[in-house]
Amino acid sequence: MKTKYLLPLCTLILTACGHKADYDATGFFEATTVTISSETTGKILMFDILEGDNVKAGQEVALIDASLLQLQEKQINSQQSSTVATSPDISVQVASLRSEIAHQQQEVNRLRRLLSDGTTTQKAYDDATAALRTMENQLNAQLSTLGKSQNSIKNTAEALQYQSGQIAEQIDRSRIISPINGTVLEKYAEPGEFATPGKPLYKMADLNSIYLRSYFTANQLANIKIGQKVTVIADFGGESQYEYPGTITWISQESEFTPKSIQTNDTRADLVYAVKIAVKNDGRLKLGQYGEVRL
């Protein structure tokens, strides 16, 4: 009985020992995903995209209700206009005093001539000169007060302008804009729901340029480098396989235990290094799909 199964068993062992995998590494196709979140608070008014839709960079995909922000912006703009209107017109307010100073200067000049002719007294001239200096001091004090008031009003108006700009920026951020060209992978909200800052709305990725996250053993590291061209085989089940040119773009600096779903050409290897291989997608490759690498 033992002799009957000895030859087939030996044949199976020899066959297994002589079999060599026709790949150097395996992995799964992935893409760099981008999760877009709300930056403002409010009801979602429009969110028409569906999972699987292709969107372009700069495309508006959702709109958050910003009516309260718009009212705040109008209120602040009104306050700013009212504040600017209270700014004093310095030239008008000091015009009367300047006119008096000019008249007094003429009087001082007249008395100086009379004093030189001996037809007026020194006291009259000194009194006129003192009155002129008093008026000039009053003008300087008024100019200082009006200048400080004008600067204060100007600063208040600028602060209101900054507040208005901040609210305008929040209103602009209520429009959800796609940051990249890509495909919507998951949608987390619907129109009518309430959005809050940081709450994810949808996830997307550029599926035209994806990569195979594969795993190489330590013994294979000497044979690979960044920028190296390799062949990537996509497995579509059964005998359906397609080859794609790939480029190694990243090699992990740290080893990790071999993932359970990953096969290596050395079944005894416990530690492997993750490697990203960029592949141009022709439309057939899907995220999570199994793939192999041939150096």
C-alpha atoms as a PDB file:
ATOM      1  CA  MET A   1       0.000   0.000   0.000  1.00  0.00           C
ATOM      2  CA  LYS A   2       2.845   2.369   0.853  1.00  0.00           C
ATOM      3  CA  THR A   3       4.703   1.364  -2.334  1.00  0.00           C
ATOM      4  CA  LYS A   4       1.640   2.171  -4.446  1.00  0.00           C
ATOM      5  CA  TYR A   5       1.675   5.892  -3.537  1.00  0.00           C
ATOM      6  CA  LEU A   6       5.435   6.354  -3.180  1.00  0.00           C
ATOM      7  CA  LEU A   7       6.206   7.126  -6.858  1.00  0.00           C
ATOM      8  CA  PRO A   8       3.392   9.671  -7.446  1.00  0.00           C
ATOM      9  CA  LEU A   9       4.254  11.411  -4.170  1.00  0.00           C
ATOM     10  CA  CYS A  10       7.930  11.729  -5.098  1.00  0.00           C
ATOM     11  CA  THR A  11       6.952  13.004  -8.533  1.00  0.00           C
ATOM     12  CA  LEU A  12       4.721  15.688  -6.940  1.00  0.00           C
ATOM     13  CA  ILE A  13       7.497  16.800  -4.587  1.00  0.00           C
ATOM     14  CA  LEU A  14      10.035  17.035  -7.406  1.00  0.00           C
ATOM     15  CA  THR A  15       7.595  18.982  -9.536  1.00  0.00           C
ATOM     16  CA  ALA A  16       6.874  21.438  -6.731  1.00  0.00           C
ATOM     17  CA  CYS A  17      10.562  21.899  -6.016  1.00  0.00           C
ATOM     18  CA  GLY A  18      11.318  22.561  -9.673  1.00  0.00           C
ATOM     19  CA  HIS A  19       8.443  25.025 -10.153  1.00  0.00           C
ATOM     20  CA  LYS A  20       9.452  28.701 -10.304  1.00  0.00           C
ATOM     21  CA  ALA A  21       6.945  31.542 -10.085  1.00  0.00           C
ATOM     22  CA  ASP A  22       6.681  33.546 -13.322  1.00  0.00           C
ATOM     23  CA  TYR A  23       6.504  36.806 -11.345  1.00  0.00           C
ATOM     24  CA  ASP A  24       8.871  38.668  -9.043  1.00  0.00           C
ATOM     25  CA  ALA A  25       6.297  40.332  -6.815  1.00  0.00           C
ATOM     26  CA  THR A  26       2.568  40.768  -6.391  1.00  0.00           C
ATOM     27  CA  GLY A  27       0.279  43.458  -5.073  1.00  0.00           C
ATOM     28  CA  PHE A  28      -2.891  45.419  -5.575  1.00  0.00           C
ATOM     29  CA  PHE A  29      -3.697  48.483  -7.635  1.00  0.00           C
ATOM     30  CA  GLU A  30      -4.225  51.691  -5.675  1.00  0.00           C
ATOM     31  CA  ALA A  31      -4.575  55.409  -6.350  1.00  0.00           C
ATOM     32  CA  THR A  32      -3.909  58.588  -4.422  1.00  0.00           C
ATOM     33  CA  THR A  33      -7.306  59.544  -3.031  1.00  0.00           C
ATOM     34  CA  VAL A  34      -8.470  63.021  -2.034  1.00  0.00           C
ATOM     35  CA  THR A  35     -11.221  63.502   0.533  1.00  0.00           C
ATOM     36  CA  ILE A  36     -13.057  66.813   0.125  1.00  0.00           C
ATOM     37  CA  SER A  37     -14.671  68.286   3.227  1.00  0.00           C
ATOM     38  CA  SER A  38     -16.873  71.260   3.942  1.00  0.00           C
ATOM     39  CA  GLU A  39     -15.160  74.440   5.145  1.00  0.00           C
ATOM     40  CA  THR A  40     -18.334  76.212   6.263  1.00  0.00           C
ATOM     41  CA  THR A  41     -21.481  75.456   8.231  1.00  0.00           C
ATOM     42  CA  GLY A  42     -24.876  75.268   6.578  1.00  0.00           C
ATOM     43  CA  LYS A  43     -27.420  73.218   4.691  1.00  0.00           C
ATOM     44  CA  ILE A  44     -26.274  71.533   1.498  1.00  0.00           C
ATOM     45  CA  LEU A  45     -28.295  73.203  -1.261  1.00  0.00           C
ATOM     46  CA  MET A  46     -26.765  71.433  -4.260  1.00  0.00           C
ATOM     47  CA  PHE A  47     -24.745  68.231  -4.521  1.00  0.00           C
ATOM     48  CA  ASP A  48     -25.473  66.608  -7.880  1.00  0.00           C
ATOM     49  CA  ILE A  49     -22.457  64.341  -8.408  1.00  0.00           C
ATOM     50  CA  LEU A  50     -22.787  60.567  -8.162  1.00  0.00           C
ATOM     51  CA  GLU A  51     -20.280  57.855  -7.387  1.00  0.00           C
ATOM     52  CA  GLY A  52     -18.441  57.014 -10.591  1.00  0.00           C
ATOM     53  CA  ASP A  53     -18.848  60.494 -12.091  1.00  0.00           C
ATOM     54  CA  ASN A  54     -15.804  62.139 -13.609  1.00  0.00           C
ATOM     55  CA  VAL A  55     -15.245  65.721 -12.480  1.00  0.00           C
ATOM     56  CA  LYS A  56     -12.711  68.310 -13.578  1.00  0.00           C
ATOM     57  CA  ALA A  57     -10.449  70.496 -11.497  1.00  0.00           C
ATOM     58  CA  GLY A  58     -12.217  73.778 -10.736  1.00  0.00           C
ATOM     59  CA  GLN A  59     -15.691  72.324 -11.273  1.00  0.00           C
ATOM     60  CA  GLU A  60     -18.327  73.326  -8.708  1.00  0.00           C
ATOM     61  CA  VAL A  61     -19.779  70.119  -7.332  1.00  0.00           C
ATOM     62  CA  ALA A  62     -21.705  71.312  -4.260  1.00  0.00           C
ATOM     63  CA  LEU A  63     -23.121  74.472  -2.695  1.00  0.00           C
ATOM     64  CA  ILE A  64     -23.570  75.208   1.020  1.00  0.00           C
ATOM     65  CA  ASP A  65     -26.226  77.686   2.153  1.00  0.00           C
ATOM     66  CA  ALA A  66     -24.461  80.996   2.873  1.00  0.00           C
ATOM     67  CA  SER A  67     -27.480  83.293   3.299  1.00  0.00           C
ATOM     68  CA  LEU A  68     -26.583  84.169   6.910  1.00  0.00           C
ATOM     69  CA  LEU A  69     -23.040  85.009   5.888  1.00  0.00           C
ATOM     70  CA  GLN A  70     -24.333  87.218   3.098  1.00  0.00           C
ATOM     71  CA  LEU A  71     -26.507  89.141   5.586  1.00  0.00           C
ATOM     72  CA  GLN A  72     -23.510  89.568   7.896  1.00  0.00           C
ATOM     73  CA  GLU A  73     -21.463  90.865   4.978  1.00  0.00           C
ATOM     74  CA  LYS A  74     -24.133  93.458   4.127  1.00  0.00           C
ATOM     75  CA  GLN A  75     -24.339  94.545   7.768  1.00  0.00           C
ATOM     76  CA  ILE A  76     -20.584  95.024   8.054  1.00  0.00           C
ATOM     77  CA  ASN A  77     -20.419  96.870   4.730  1.00  0.00           C
ATOM     78  CA  SER A  78     -23.168  99.207   5.994  1.00  0.00           C
ATOM     79  CA  GLN A  79     -21.247  99.808   9.230  1.00  0.00           C
ATOM     80  CA  GLN A  80     -18.130 100.547   7.234  1.00  0.00           C
ATOM     81  CA  SER A  81     -19.934 103.107   5.065  1.00  0.00           C
ATOM     82  CA  SER A  82     -21.415 104.799   8.142  1.00  0.00           C
ATOM     83  CA  THR A  83     -18.016 104.899   9.826  1.00  0.00           C
ATOM     84  CA  VAL A  84     -16.322 106.445   6.800  1.00  0.00           C
ATOM     85  CA  ALA A  85     -19.096 109.066   6.610  1.00  0.00           C
ATOM     86  CA  THR A  86     -18.246 110.280  10.150  1.00  0.00           C
ATOM     87  CA  SER A  87     -14.649 111.060   9.196  1.00  0.00           C
ATOM     88  CA  PRO A  88     -14.047 114.809   9.667  1.00  0.00           C
ATOM     89  CA  ASP A  89     -13.243 117.052   6.722  1.00  0.00           C
ATOM     90  CA  ILE A  90     -10.250 118.749   8.279  1.00  0.00           C
ATOM     91  CA  SER A  91      -9.843 121.432   5.649  1.00  0.00           C
ATOM     92  CA  VAL A  92     -13.454 122.575   6.064  1.00  0.00           C
ATOM     93  CA  GLN A  93     -13.443 122.537   9.864  1.00  0.00           C
ATOM     94  CA  VAL A  94     -10.301 124.651  10.156  1.00  0.00           C
ATOM     95  CA  ALA A  95     -11.100 126.999   7.287  1.00  0.00           C
ATOM     96  CA  SER A  96     -12.687 129.612   9.576  1.00  0.00           C
ATOM     97  CA  LEU A  97      -9.763 129.601  11.993  1.00  0.00           C
ATOM     98  CA  ARG A  98      -7.253 129.859   9.143  1.00  0.00           C
ATOM     99  CA  SER A  99      -9.169 132.866   7.846  1.00  0.00           C
ATOM    100  CA  GLU A 100      -8.988 134.518  11.275  1.00  0.00           C
ATOM    101  CA  ILE A 101      -5.264 133.799  11.474  1.00  0.00           C
ATOM    102  CA  ALA A 102      -4.714 135.331   8.053  1.00  0.00           C
ATOM    103  CA  HIS A 103      -6.651 138.454   9.139  1.00  0.00           C
ATOM    104  CA  GLN A 104      -4.703 138.661  12.387  1.00  0.00           C
ATOM    105  CA  GLN A 105      -1.431 138.308  10.493  1.00  0.00           C
ATOM    106  CA  GLN A 106      -2.404 141.302   8.403  1.00  0.00           C
ATOM    107  CA  GLU A 107      -3.172 143.236  11.588  1.00  0.00           C
ATOM    108  CA  VAL A 108       0.236 142.373  13.040  1.00  0.00           C
ATOM    109  CA  ASN A 109       1.901 143.519   9.826  1.00  0.00           C
ATOM    110  CA  ARG A 110      -0.079 146.783   9.902  1.00  0.00           C
ATOM    111  CA  LEU A 111       0.845 147.483  13.512  1.00  0.00           C
ATOM    112  CA  ARG A 112       4.500 146.723  12.772  1.00  0.00           C
ATOM    113  CA  ARG A 113       4.489 149.467  10.135  1.00  0.00           C
ATOM    114  CA  LEU A 114       2.694 151.880  12.436  1.00  0.00           C
ATOM    115  CA  LEU A 115       5.139 151.085  15.218  1.00  0.00           C
ATOM    116  CA  SER A 116       8.051 151.901  12.983  1.00  0.00           C
ATOM    117  CA  ASP A 117       6.357 155.237  12.108  1.00  0.00           C
ATOM    118  CA  GLY A 118       5.721 155.924  15.772  1.00  0.00           C
ATOM    119  CA  THR A 119       1.937 156.096  15.367  1.00  0.00           C
ATOM    120  CA  THR A 120       1.124 153.113  17.654  1.00  0.00           C
ATOM    121  CA  THR A 121       2.367 151.699  20.917  1.00  0.00           C
ATOM    122  CA  GLN A 122       4.559 148.654  21.582  1.00  0.00           C
ATOM    123  CA  LYS A 123       1.795 147.190  23.747  1.00  0.00           C
ATOM    124  CA  ALA A 124      -0.709 147.254  20.884  1.00  0.00           C
ATOM    125  CA  TYR A 125       1.795 145.464  18.655  1.00  0.00           C
ATOM    126  CA  ASP A 126       2.658 142.883  21.350  1.00  0.00           C
ATOM    127  CA  ASP A 127      -1.027 142.202  22.043  1.00  0.00           C
ATOM    128  CA  ALA A 128      -1.714 141.602  18.345  1.00  0.00           C
ATOM    129  CA  THR A 129       1.303 139.310  18.083  1.00  0.00           C
ATOM    130  CA  ALA A 130       0.211 137.313  21.160  1.00  0.00           C
ATOM    131  CA  ALA A 131      -3.297 136.949  19.734  1.00  0.00           C
ATOM    132  CA  LEU A 132      -1.792 135.611  16.489  1.00  0.00           C
ATOM    133  CA  ARG A 133       0.258 133.008  18.375  1.00  0.00           C
ATOM    134  CA  THR A 134      -2.813 131.956  20.354  1.00  0.00           C
ATOM    135  CA  MET A 135      -4.765 131.418  17.145  1.00  0.00           C
ATOM    136  CA  GLU A 136      -1.890 129.412  15.618  1.00  0.00           C
ATOM    137  CA  ASN A 137      -1.720 127.217  18.728  1.00  0.00           C
ATOM    138  CA  GLN A 138      -5.478 126.697  18.517  1.00  0.00           C
ATOM    139  CA  LEU A 139      -5.086 125.675  14.879  1.00  0.00           C
ATOM    140  CA  ASN A 140      -2.338 123.158  15.688  1.00  0.00           C
ATOM    141  CA  ALA A 141      -4.375 121.688  18.531  1.00  0.00           C
ATOM    142  CA  GLN A 142      -7.473 121.410  16.336  1.00  0.00           C
ATOM    143  CA  LEU A 143      -5.455 119.823  13.524  1.00  0.00           C
ATOM    144  CA  SER A 144      -4.001 117.288  15.983  1.00  0.00           C
ATOM    145  CA  THR A 145      -7.429 116.404  17.401  1.00  0.00           C
ATOM    146  CA  LEU A 146      -9.044 116.121  13.996  1.00  0.00           C
ATOM    147  CA  GLY A 147      -6.086 114.075  12.682  1.00  0.00           C
ATOM    148  CA  LYS A 148      -6.336 111.592  15.546  1.00  0.00           C
ATOM    149  CA  SER A 149     -10.080 111.315  15.047  1.00  0.00           C
ATOM    150  CA  GLN A 150      -9.618 110.779  11.330  1.00  0.00           C
ATOM    151  CA  ASN A 151      -6.963 108.073  11.898  1.00  0.00           C
ATOM    152  CA  SER A 152      -9.159 106.317  14.457  1.00  0.00           C
ATOM    153  CA  ILE A 153     -12.099 106.289  12.060  1.00  0.00           C
ATOM    154  CA  LYS A 154      -9.823 105.087   9.271  1.00  0.00           C
ATOM    155  CA  ASN A 155      -8.536 102.198  11.416  1.00  0.00           C
ATOM    156  CA  THR A 156     -12.086 101.234  12.382  1.00  0.00           C
ATOM    157  CA  ALA A 157     -13.144 101.267   8.722  1.00  0.00           C
ATOM    158  CA  GLU A 158     -10.136  99.097   7.777  1.00  0.00           C
ATOM    159  CA  ALA A 159     -11.000  96.602  10.531  1.00  0.00           C
ATOM    160  CA  LEU A 160     -14.548  96.384   9.214  1.00  0.00           C
ATOM    161  CA  GLN A 161     -13.168  95.930   5.711  1.00  0.00           C
ATOM    162  CA  TYR A 162     -11.054  92.991   6.923  1.00  0.00           C
ATOM    163  CA  GLN A 163     -14.124  91.455   8.583  1.00  0.00           C
ATOM    164  CA  SER A 164     -16.060  91.881   5.367  1.00  0.00           C
ATOM    165  CA  GLY A 165     -13.214  90.214   3.463  1.00  0.00           C
ATOM    166  CA  GLN A 166     -13.186  87.269   5.864  1.00  0.00           C
ATOM    167  CA  ILE A 167     -16.920  86.762   5.453  1.00  0.00           C
ATOM    168  CA  ALA A 168     -16.598  87.079   1.676  1.00  0.00           C
ATOM    169  CA  GLU A 169     -13.944  84.356   1.808  1.00  0.00           C
ATOM    170  CA  GLN A 170     -16.292  82.122   3.839  1.00  0.00           C
ATOM    171  CA  ILE A 171     -19.058  82.750   1.319  1.00  0.00           C
ATOM    172  CA  ASP A 172     -16.690  81.795  -1.485  1.00  0.00           C
ATOM    173  CA  ARG A 173     -15.762  78.603   0.393  1.00  0.00           C
ATOM    174  CA  SER A 174     -19.420  77.616   0.536  1.00  0.00           C
ATOM    175  CA  ARG A 175     -18.911  76.640  -3.106  1.00  0.00           C
ATOM    176  CA  ILE A 176     -17.300  73.191  -3.078  1.00  0.00           C
ATOM    177  CA  ILE A 177     -14.792  73.077  -5.935  1.00  0.00           C
ATOM    178  CA  SER A 178     -13.083  69.928  -7.204  1.00  0.00           C
ATOM    179  CA  PRO A 179      -9.326  70.260  -6.570  1.00  0.00           C
ATOM    180  CA  ILE A 180      -8.269  67.758  -9.242  1.00  0.00           C
ATOM    181  CA  ASN A 181      -9.441  65.881 -12.305  1.00  0.00           C
ATOM    182  CA  GLY A 182     -10.727  62.547 -11.126  1.00  0.00           C
ATOM    183  CA  THR A 183     -13.499  60.082 -10.453  1.00  0.00           C
ATOM    184  CA  VAL A 184     -15.866  60.183  -7.493  1.00  0.00           C
ATOM    185  CA  LEU A 185     -15.221  57.053  -5.435  1.00  0.00           C
ATOM    186  CA  GLU A 186     -17.558  57.613  -2.481  1.00  0.00           C
ATOM    187  CA  LYS A 187     -20.208  60.179  -1.604  1.00  0.00           C
ATOM    188  CA  TYR A 188     -20.890  60.822   2.073  1.00  0.00           C
ATOM    189  CA  ALA A 189     -23.683  63.429   2.031  1.00  0.00           C
ATOM    190  CA  GLU A 190     -26.809  64.425   0.145  1.00  0.00           C
ATOM    191  CA  PRO A 191     -28.635  67.710  -0.559  1.00  0.00           C
ATOM    192  CA  GLY A 192     -30.638  68.853   2.460  1.00  0.00           C
ATOM    193  CA  GLU A 193     -28.174  67.505   5.003  1.00  0.00           C
ATOM    194  CA  PHE A 194     -26.240  69.818   7.305  1.00  0.00           C
ATOM    195  CA  ALA A 195     -22.568  70.393   6.593  1.00  0.00           C
ATOM    196  CA  THR A 196     -19.988  71.390   9.174  1.00  0.00           C
ATOM    197  CA  PRO A 197     -16.311  72.323   8.792  1.00  0.00           C
ATOM    198  CA  GLY A 198     -14.186  69.214   8.371  1.00  0.00           C
ATOM    199  CA  LYS A 199     -17.126  66.928   7.599  1.00  0.00           C
ATOM    200  CA  PRO A 200     -16.214  64.796   4.537  1.00  0.00           C
ATOM    201  CA  LEU A 201     -18.498  65.244   1.552  1.00  0.00           C
ATOM    202  CA  TYR A 202     -16.937  62.905  -1.003  1.00  0.00           C
ATOM    203  CA  LYS A 203     -13.763  61.063  -1.921  1.00  0.00           C
ATOM    204  CA  MET A 204     -12.174  61.055  -5.350  1.00  0.00           C
ATOM    205  CA  ALA A 205      -9.051  59.910  -7.166  1.00  0.00           C
ATOM    206  CA  ASP A 206      -7.397  60.288 -10.542  1.00  0.00           C
ATOM    207  CA  LEU A 207      -7.870  56.805 -11.996  1.00  0.00           C
ATOM    208  CA  ASN A 208      -5.925  57.575 -15.153  1.00  0.00           C
ATOM    209  CA  SER A 209      -2.653  57.349 -13.267  1.00  0.00           C
ATOM    210  CA  ILE A 210      -2.681  54.613 -10.661  1.00  0.00           C
ATOM    211  CA  TYR A 211       0.013  52.470  -9.098  1.00  0.00           C
ATOM    212  CA  LEU A 212       0.542  48.900  -8.033  1.00  0.00           C
ATOM    213  CA  ARG A 213       1.571  48.566  -4.413  1.00  0.00           C
ATOM    214  CA  SER A 214       3.716  45.459  -4.587  1.00  0.00           C
ATOM    215  CA  TYR A 215       5.993  43.736  -2.087  1.00  0.00           C
ATOM    216  CA  PHE A 216       9.583  42.594  -2.633  1.00  0.00           C
ATOM    217  CA  THR A 217      11.780  40.482  -0.394  1.00  0.00           C
ATOM    218  CA  ALA A 218      15.062  41.783   1.011  1.00  0.00           C
ATOM    219  CA  ASN A 219      17.002  39.636  -1.457  1.00  0.00           C
ATOM    220  CA  GLN A 220      15.308  41.416  -4.359  1.00  0.00           C
ATOM    221  CA  LEU A 221      16.115  44.982  -3.242  1.00  0.00           C
ATOM    222  CA  ALA A 222      19.504  44.893  -4.979  1.00  0.00           C
ATOM    223  CA  ASN A 223      17.715  44.370  -8.310  1.00  0.00           C
ATOM    224  CA  ILE A 224      15.292  47.313  -8.105  1.00  0.00           C
ATOM    225  CA  LYS A 225      15.664  51.094  -7.990  1.00  0.00           C
ATOM    226  CA  ILE A 226      13.497  54.171  -8.359  1.00  0.00           C
ATOM    227  CA  GLY A 227      12.856  55.012 -11.995  1.00  0.00           C
ATOM    228  CA  GLN A 228      13.347  51.419 -13.127  1.00  0.00           C
ATOM    229  CA  LYS A 229      11.042  50.143 -15.879  1.00  0.00           C
ATOM    230  CA  VAL A 230       9.185  46.915 -15.127  1.00  0.00           C
ATOM    231  CA  THR A 231       6.294  44.897 -16.511  1.00  0.00           C
ATOM    232  CA  VAL A 232       3.007  44.857 -14.611  1.00  0.00           C
ATOM    233  CA  ILE A 233       0.541  42.044 -15.236  1.00  0.00           C
ATOM    234  CA  ALA A 234      -3.082  42.731 -14.335  1.00  0.00           C
ATOM    235  CA  ASP A 235      -5.130  39.674 -13.461  1.00  0.00           C
ATOM    236  CA  PHE A 236      -8.742  39.798 -14.637  1.00  0.00           C
ATOM    237  CA  GLY A 237      -9.560  36.256 -13.548  1.00  0.00           C
ATOM    238  CA  GLY A 238      -9.158  32.960 -15.312  1.00  0.00           C
ATOM    239  CA  GLU A 239      -6.730  33.234 -18.220  1.00  0.00           C
ATOM    240  CA  SER A 240      -7.472  36.915 -18.815  1.00  0.00           C
ATOM    241  CA  GLN A 241      -4.312  38.895 -18.147  1.00  0.00           C
ATOM    242  CA  TYR A 242      -2.900  42.112 -19.602  1.00  0.00           C
ATOM    243  CA  GLU A 243       0.605  43.490 -19.426  1.00  0.00           C
ATOM    244  CA  TYR A 244       1.365  47.170 -18.789  1.00  0.00           C
ATOM    245  CA  PRO A 245       4.634  49.096 -18.702  1.00  0.00           C
ATOM    246  CA  GLY A 246       5.337  50.365 -15.207  1.00  0.00           C
ATOM    247  CA  THR A 247       7.878  52.590 -13.448  1.00  0.00           C
ATOM    248  CA  ILE A 248       9.075  52.173  -9.868  1.00  0.00           C
ATOM    249  CA  THR A 249       8.384  55.500  -8.123  1.00  0.00           C
ATOM    250  CA  TRP A 250       8.824  54.653  -4.425  1.00  0.00           C
ATOM    251  CA  ILE A 251      10.548  52.039  -2.285  1.00  0.00           C
ATOM    252  CA  SER A 252       9.799  51.774   1.422  1.00  0.00           C
ATOM    253  CA  GLN A 253      12.719  52.297   3.775  1.00  0.00           C
ATOM    254  CA  GLU A 254      11.249  49.933   6.357  1.00  0.00           C
ATOM    255  CA  SER A 255      10.315  46.285   6.119  1.00  0.00           C
ATOM    256  CA  GLU A 256       7.006  44.824   7.217  1.00  0.00           C
ATOM    257  CA  PHE A 257       5.501  41.420   7.695  1.00  0.00           C
ATOM    258  CA  THR A 258       4.193  39.938   4.480  1.00  0.00           C
ATOM    259  CA  PRO A 259       0.452  40.765   4.149  1.00  0.00           C
ATOM    260  CA  LYS A 260      -1.725  37.668   4.171  1.00  0.00           C
ATOM    261  CA  SER A 261      -3.117  38.442   0.708  1.00  0.00           C
ATOM    262  CA  ILE A 262       0.345  38.829  -0.855  1.00  0.00           C
ATOM    263  CA  GLN A 263       2.437  36.095  -2.479  1.00  0.00           C
ATOM    264  CA  THR A 264       6.199  36.301  -2.938  1.00  0.00           C
ATOM    265  CA  ASN A 265       8.546  34.274  -5.108  1.00  0.00           C
ATOM    266  CA  ASP A 266      10.251  33.176  -1.886  1.00  0.00           C
ATOM    267  CA  THR A 267       7.642  31.493   0.292  1.00  0.00           C
ATOM    268  CA  ARG A 268      10.064  31.481   3.222  1.00  0.00           C
ATOM    269  CA  ALA A 269      10.315  35.277   3.351  1.00  0.00           C
ATOM    270  CA  ASP A 270       8.568  36.762   6.383  1.00  0.00           C
ATOM    271  CA  LEU A 271       9.551  40.406   5.830  1.00  0.00           C
ATOM    272  CA  VAL A 272       8.987  42.379   2.658  1.00  0.00           C
ATOM    273  CA  TYR A 273       9.380  45.952   1.396  1.00  0.00           C
ATOM    274  CA  ALA A 274       6.486  47.876  -0.141  1.00  0.00           C
ATOM    275  CA  VAL A 275       7.139  49.315  -3.599  1.00  0.00           C
ATOM    276  CA  LYS A 276       4.933  51.615  -5.682  1.00  0.00           C
ATOM    277  CA  ILE A 277       4.895  51.091  -9.436  1.00  0.00           C
ATOM    278  CA  ALA A 278       3.190  53.772 -11.528  1.00  0.00           C
ATOM    279  CA  VAL A 279       0.968  52.454 -14.325  1.00  0.00           C
ATOM    280  CA  LYS A 280      -0.997  54.342 -16.962  1.00  0.00           C
ATOM    281  CA  ASN A 281      -4.595  53.140 -16.775  1.00  0.00           C
ATOM    282  CA  ASP A 282      -6.289  52.330 -20.076  1.00  0.00           C
ATOM    283  CA  GLY A 283      -9.694  52.141 -18.395  1.00  0.00           C
ATOM    284  CA  ARG A 284      -9.572  48.445 -17.540  1.00  0.00           C
ATOM    285  CA  LEU A 285      -7.621  48.641 -14.286  1.00  0.00           C
ATOM    286  CA  LYS A 286      -9.657  48.916 -11.093  1.00  0.00           C
ATOM    287  CA  LEU A 287      -8.660  49.829  -7.570  1.00  0.00           C
ATOM    288  CA  GLY A 288      -8.080  46.766  -5.403  1.00  0.00           C
ATOM    289  CA  GLN A 289      -7.405  44.573  -8.412  1.00  0.00           C
ATOM    290  CA  TYR A 290      -4.647  41.967  -8.108  1.00  0.00           C
ATOM    291  CA  GLY A 291      -1.481  42.420 -10.108  1.00  0.00           C
ATOM    292  CA  GLU A 292       1.968  40.909 -10.590  1.00  0.00           C
ATOM    293  CA  VAL A 293       5.370  42.405 -11.339  1.00  0.00           C
ATOM    294  CA  ARG A 294       8.053  41.061 -13.602  1.00  0.00           C
ATOM    295  CA  LEU A 295      11.486  42.671 -13.510  1.00  0.00           C
END
